[in-house]
Amino acid sequence: MSAEELTPQEAARWAARAGQPLEEVRHAQVAATAQHIHSVVSVLRELDFGDTPPAAAYHVGRAERAVRAGEEKRDAAV
């Protein structure tokens, strides 16, 4: 989909192509929803995550242990 606004006719064509034909009364709603999703994703693509690891690298508990260890080191230094 281009950065230009998605027309209701294009939304119907894309939906049919994906195997999800739409009733005509829903074309405009689907086009507006798709345009909104596109605008949100565009903003997310501009974010710089730098050294942030992917979500798959996150382990629950490990972050909590690291925070507690940092607090313990800070308390010991005082």
C-alpha atoms as a PDB file:
ATOM      1  CA  MET A   1       0.000   0.000   0.000  1.00  0.00           C
ATOM      2  CA  SER A   2       1.370   3.389  -0.913  1.00  0.00           C
ATOM      3  CA  ALA A   3       1.580   6.361   1.429  1.00  0.00           C
ATOM      4  CA  GLU A   4      -1.400   7.850  -0.398  1.00  0.00           C
ATOM      5  CA  GLU A   5      -4.832   7.418   1.120  1.00  0.00           C
ATOM      6  CA  LEU A   6      -6.444   4.036   0.495  1.00  0.00           C
ATOM      7  CA  THR A   7      -9.749   4.366  -1.348  1.00  0.00           C
ATOM      8  CA  PRO A   8     -12.782   2.276  -0.428  1.00  0.00           C
ATOM      9  CA  GLN A   9     -12.584   0.565  -3.825  1.00  0.00           C
ATOM     10  CA  GLU A  10      -8.952  -0.370  -3.250  1.00  0.00           C
ATOM     11  CA  ALA A  11      -9.795  -1.688   0.220  1.00  0.00           C
ATOM     12  CA  ALA A  12     -12.494  -3.901  -1.304  1.00  0.00           C
ATOM     13  CA  ARG A  13     -10.078  -5.138  -3.970  1.00  0.00           C
ATOM     14  CA  TRP A  14      -7.366  -5.952  -1.419  1.00  0.00           C
ATOM     15  CA  ALA A  15      -9.856  -7.697   0.858  1.00  0.00           C
ATOM     16  CA  ALA A  16     -11.195  -9.801  -2.006  1.00  0.00           C
ATOM     17  CA  ARG A  17      -7.642 -10.643  -3.039  1.00  0.00           C
ATOM     18  CA  ALA A  18      -6.984 -11.866   0.505  1.00  0.00           C
ATOM     19  CA  GLY A  19     -10.079 -14.051   0.385  1.00  0.00           C
ATOM     20  CA  GLN A  20     -12.195 -11.779   2.595  1.00  0.00           C
ATOM     21  CA  PRO A  21     -14.812 -10.178   0.348  1.00  0.00           C
ATOM     22  CA  LEU A  22     -16.558  -7.195   1.941  1.00  0.00           C
ATOM     23  CA  GLU A  23     -20.103  -5.940   1.768  1.00  0.00           C
ATOM     24  CA  GLU A  24     -20.179  -2.586  -0.012  1.00  0.00           C
ATOM     25  CA  VAL A  25     -21.318  -0.718   3.107  1.00  0.00           C
ATOM     26  CA  ARG A  26     -18.043  -1.698   4.851  1.00  0.00           C
ATOM     27  CA  HIS A  27     -15.587  -0.532   2.162  1.00  0.00           C
ATOM     28  CA  ALA A  28     -15.145   2.982   3.585  1.00  0.00           C
ATOM     29  CA  GLN A  29     -14.808   1.730   7.171  1.00  0.00           C
ATOM     30  CA  VAL A  30     -12.174  -0.811   6.223  1.00  0.00           C
ATOM     31  CA  ALA A  31     -10.267   1.765   4.162  1.00  0.00           C
ATOM     32  CA  ALA A  32     -10.258   4.214   7.098  1.00  0.00           C
ATOM     33  CA  THR A  33      -9.098   1.513   9.512  1.00  0.00           C
ATOM     34  CA  ALA A  34      -6.321   0.383   7.170  1.00  0.00           C
ATOM     35  CA  GLN A  35      -5.192   3.992   6.712  1.00  0.00           C
ATOM     36  CA  HIS A  36      -5.065   4.483  10.483  1.00  0.00           C
ATOM     37  CA  ILE A  37      -3.025   1.300  10.977  1.00  0.00           C
ATOM     38  CA  HIS A  38      -0.682   2.416   8.206  1.00  0.00           C
ATOM     39  CA  SER A  39      -0.158   5.797   9.889  1.00  0.00           C
ATOM     40  CA  VAL A  40       0.630   4.156  13.250  1.00  0.00           C
ATOM     41  CA  VAL A  41       3.077   1.699  11.710  1.00  0.00           C
ATOM     42  CA  SER A  42       4.770   4.551   9.841  1.00  0.00           C
ATOM     43  CA  VAL A  43       5.441   6.322  13.139  1.00  0.00           C
ATOM     44  CA  LEU A  44       6.766   3.129  14.732  1.00  0.00           C
ATOM     45  CA  ARG A  45       9.175   2.614  11.837  1.00  0.00           C
ATOM     46  CA  GLU A  46      10.719   6.020  12.550  1.00  0.00           C
ATOM     47  CA  LEU A  47      11.574   5.194  16.164  1.00  0.00           C
ATOM     48  CA  ASP A  48      15.218   4.557  16.947  1.00  0.00           C
ATOM     49  CA  PHE A  49      15.484   1.617  19.303  1.00  0.00           C
ATOM     50  CA  GLY A  50      19.281   1.720  19.268  1.00  0.00           C
ATOM     51  CA  ASP A  51      20.667  -1.065  21.425  1.00  0.00           C
ATOM     52  CA  THR A  52      17.279  -2.337  22.542  1.00  0.00           C
ATOM     53  CA  PRO A  53      17.270  -6.114  22.130  1.00  0.00           C
ATOM     54  CA  PRO A  54      14.334  -7.798  20.404  1.00  0.00           C
ATOM     55  CA  ALA A  55      11.460  -8.950  22.592  1.00  0.00           C
ATOM     56  CA  ALA A  56      12.510 -12.581  22.142  1.00  0.00           C
ATOM     57  CA  ALA A  57      15.702 -11.785  24.105  1.00  0.00           C
ATOM     58  CA  TYR A  58      13.733 -10.601  27.164  1.00  0.00           C
ATOM     59  CA  HIS A  59      13.319 -13.073  30.011  1.00  0.00           C
ATOM     60  CA  VAL A  60      10.905 -12.376  32.840  1.00  0.00           C
ATOM     61  CA  GLY A  61      12.691 -12.400  36.129  1.00  0.00           C
ATOM     62  CA  ARG A  62      16.136 -11.656  34.724  1.00  0.00           C
ATOM     63  CA  ALA A  63      15.343  -7.935  34.577  1.00  0.00           C
ATOM     64  CA  GLU A  64      13.924  -8.027  38.100  1.00  0.00           C
ATOM     65  CA  ARG A  65      17.036  -9.811  39.406  1.00  0.00           C
ATOM     66  CA  ALA A  66      19.257  -7.216  37.699  1.00  0.00           C
ATOM     67  CA  VAL A  67      17.325  -4.377  39.330  1.00  0.00           C
ATOM     68  CA  ARG A  68      17.526  -6.022  42.752  1.00  0.00           C
ATOM     69  CA  ALA A  69      21.268  -6.647  42.312  1.00  0.00           C
ATOM     70  CA  GLY A  70      21.788  -3.005  41.369  1.00  0.00           C
ATOM     71  CA  GLU A  71      19.834  -1.867  44.426  1.00  0.00           C
ATOM     72  CA  GLU A  72      21.858  -4.176  46.676  1.00  0.00           C
ATOM     73  CA  LYS A  73      25.137  -2.800  45.294  1.00  0.00           C
ATOM     74  CA  ARG A  74      23.901   0.759  45.794  1.00  0.00           C
ATOM     75  CA  ASP A  75      22.786   0.020  49.375  1.00  0.00           C
ATOM     76  CA  ALA A  76      26.127  -1.659  50.167  1.00  0.00           C
ATOM     77  CA  ALA A  77      28.026   1.384  48.943  1.00  0.00           C
ATOM     78  CA  VAL A  78      26.141   3.679  51.334  1.00  0.00           C
END
